[in-house]
Protein backbone atom coordinates (compact mmCIF):
# COMPACT_ATOMS: atom_id res chain seq x y z
CA UNK A 1 -0.03 -12.70 32.37
CA UNK A 2 -1.98 -13.63 29.13
CA UNK A 3 -4.60 -11.03 30.01
CA UNK A 4 -2.08 -8.32 30.47
CA UNK A 5 -0.42 -9.37 27.12
CA UNK A 6 -3.83 -9.24 25.42
CA UNK A 7 -4.51 -5.80 26.91
CA UNK A 8 -1.15 -4.61 25.88
CA UNK A 9 -1.84 -5.71 22.14
CA UNK A 10 -5.18 -4.03 22.30
CA UNK A 11 -3.63 -0.76 23.50
CA UNK A 12 -0.97 -0.86 20.84
CA UNK A 13 -3.40 -1.51 18.05
CA UNK A 14 -5.60 1.42 19.23
CA UNK A 15 -2.57 3.57 19.35
CA UNK A 16 -1.52 2.53 15.73
CA UNK A 17 -5.01 3.15 14.19
CA UNK A 18 -5.83 6.11 16.29
CA UNK A 19 -9.16 7.63 17.31
CA UNK A 20 -11.78 8.27 14.62
CA UNK A 21 -11.61 11.84 13.33
CA UNK A 22 -13.88 14.49 15.34
CA UNK A 23 -17.25 15.28 13.71
CA UNK A 24 -17.51 18.60 11.97
CA UNK A 25 -20.09 21.18 12.45
CA UNK A 26 -21.04 22.77 9.04
CA UNK A 27 -23.35 25.41 7.80
CA UNK A 28 -25.39 25.88 4.74
CA UNK A 29 -23.68 27.19 1.79
CA UNK A 30 -20.26 27.08 3.56
CA UNK A 31 -17.56 24.82 2.32
CA UNK A 32 -16.38 22.15 4.85
CA UNK A 33 -13.58 19.51 4.74
CA UNK A 34 -13.88 15.73 5.77
CA UNK A 35 -11.24 12.97 6.11
CA UNK A 36 -12.29 9.43 5.36
CA UNK A 37 -14.42 8.22 8.31
CA UNK A 38 -15.31 11.80 9.35
CA UNK A 39 -18.97 12.95 9.76
CA UNK A 40 -20.33 16.40 9.31
CA UNK A 41 -23.39 17.58 11.06
CA UNK A 42 -25.42 20.21 9.28
CA UNK A 43 -27.98 21.30 11.72
CA UNK A 44 -29.87 23.60 9.30
CA UNK A 45 -30.57 20.77 7.11
CA UNK A 46 -30.95 18.22 9.82
CA UNK A 47 -28.58 16.03 8.17
CA UNK A 48 -25.36 14.00 8.81
CA UNK A 49 -23.01 13.37 5.78
CA UNK A 50 -20.09 10.89 6.30
CA UNK A 51 -17.08 10.33 3.83
CA UNK A 52 -16.78 6.63 3.88
CA UNK A 53 -13.99 5.88 1.30
CA UNK A 54 -12.17 6.94 -1.76
CA UNK A 55 -12.52 3.90 -3.74
CA UNK A 56 -10.89 5.04 -6.87
CA UNK A 57 -8.34 7.77 -7.85
CA UNK A 58 -7.21 7.40 -11.40
CA UNK A 59 -6.40 11.03 -11.70
CA UNK A 60 -3.06 11.31 -13.78
CA UNK A 61 -0.21 12.28 -11.32
CA UNK A 62 1.18 15.63 -11.78
CA UNK A 63 4.79 14.66 -12.56
CA UNK A 64 3.54 12.30 -15.30
CA UNK A 65 2.25 12.44 -18.87
CA UNK A 66 -0.87 10.20 -19.37
CA UNK A 67 -3.07 9.48 -22.24
CA UNK A 68 -6.13 9.52 -20.11
CA UNK A 69 -6.85 11.08 -16.51
CA UNK A 70 -9.90 9.72 -14.98
CA UNK A 71 -12.35 11.01 -12.26
CA UNK A 72 -11.79 10.51 -8.43
CA UNK A 73 -14.59 8.48 -7.00
CA UNK A 74 -15.72 8.55 -3.44
CA UNK A 75 -18.38 7.04 -1.20
CA UNK A 76 -20.59 8.90 1.13
CA UNK A 77 -23.46 8.29 3.61
CA UNK A 78 -26.31 10.75 4.24
CA UNK A 79 -28.77 10.64 7.00
CA UNK A 80 -31.50 13.15 6.65
CA UNK A 81 -33.64 13.74 9.80
CA UNK A 82 -34.73 10.39 11.39
CA UNK A 83 -34.50 8.42 8.12
CA UNK A 84 -31.82 5.76 7.61
CA UNK A 85 -28.41 6.71 6.27
CA UNK A 86 -28.41 6.30 2.56
CA UNK A 87 -24.97 5.61 0.49
CA UNK A 88 -24.10 7.55 -2.39
CA UNK A 89 -21.22 7.39 -4.97
CA UNK A 90 -19.73 10.71 -6.22
CA UNK A 91 -17.13 11.43 -8.91
CA UNK A 92 -15.43 14.38 -10.18
CA UNK A 93 -12.54 15.54 -12.28
CA UNK A 94 -10.02 17.93 -10.75
CA UNK A 95 -7.42 20.23 -11.63
CA UNK A 96 -4.03 19.92 -10.16
CA UNK A 97 -5.06 21.83 -7.02
CA UNK A 98 -7.63 19.39 -6.51
CA UNK A 99 -10.56 21.76 -7.22
CA UNK A 100 -13.56 20.35 -8.97
CA UNK A 101 -14.66 22.32 -12.15
CA UNK A 102 -17.75 24.22 -12.30
CA UNK A 103 -19.33 22.32 -14.95
CA UNK A 104 -21.02 18.87 -15.62
CA UNK A 105 -19.43 15.90 -17.39
CA UNK A 106 -21.76 13.29 -19.01
CA UNK A 107 -21.68 10.20 -16.63
CA UNK A 108 -20.11 11.93 -13.77
CA UNK A 109 -22.18 12.68 -10.85
CA UNK A 110 -20.38 15.39 -8.62
CA UNK A 111 -23.55 16.41 -6.65
CA UNK A 112 -26.87 14.87 -5.27
CA UNK A 113 -30.05 16.20 -4.11
CA UNK A 114 -31.43 14.73 -0.70
CA UNK A 115 -34.00 15.27 1.86
CA UNK A 116 -36.12 18.39 1.26
CA UNK A 117 -34.17 19.64 -1.72
CA UNK A 118 -30.75 19.87 -0.21
CA UNK A 119 -27.96 19.78 -2.58
CA UNK A 120 -24.55 18.14 -1.77
CA UNK A 121 -21.91 19.29 -4.08
CA UNK A 122 -18.24 17.79 -4.10
CA UNK A 123 -15.81 20.82 -4.25
CA UNK A 124 -12.24 19.34 -4.09
CA UNK A 125 -10.36 16.36 -3.38
CA UNK A 126 -6.76 16.55 -2.09
CA UNK A 127 -4.09 15.57 -2.17
CA UNK A 128 -3.40 15.43 -5.94
CA UNK A 129 -1.41 12.54 -6.94
CA UNK A 130 2.23 13.77 -7.68
CA UNK A 131 4.50 10.80 -8.95
CA UNK A 132 2.34 7.64 -9.47
CA UNK A 133 -1.40 6.65 -9.14
CA UNK A 134 -2.26 4.82 -6.00
CA UNK A 135 0.19 6.97 -4.10
CA UNK A 136 -2.55 8.65 -1.92
CA UNK A 137 -3.95 6.57 0.97
CA UNK A 138 -7.41 6.79 2.44
CA UNK A 139 -6.15 8.39 5.62
CA UNK A 140 -4.44 11.23 3.46
CA UNK A 141 -7.59 12.34 1.66
CA UNK A 142 -9.31 15.70 2.44
CA UNK A 143 -12.51 16.11 0.55
CA UNK A 144 -14.42 19.48 0.63
CA UNK A 145 -18.34 19.65 0.19
CA UNK A 146 -21.00 22.37 0.35
CA UNK A 147 -24.52 21.64 1.19
CA UNK A 148 -27.13 24.23 -0.20
CA UNK A 149 -30.92 24.45 -0.39
């Protein structure tokens, strides 16, 4: 009976948390979107990019007036070829549609160069907070990237 209850509890936990998101197959130069915990394989670059987390999102909510609106921060891992995965932190400001601007801000790193000169660019972070900071949970984020050479 104890084994049955343990098995039932494990099944309930697995259903509650769900299966990890399916990996994405991405092409060079094409925008792709990841959820937290999801990986993208980019065969032309021999690379796997994983969105690990969104540890900070101090963007000013759409329905509020704020004195300051900060950049959204995220953590990714990149495995190039047979090398060990490396972790990187990226940040960007976004407009109310979640799109990153086509400009650089001092102290803000929205792209990195890895492997044989491949550039990973952060393109957008959705959803944009609407009413208060901290309302967006990790599982709700959708982050778009492009990888180019």
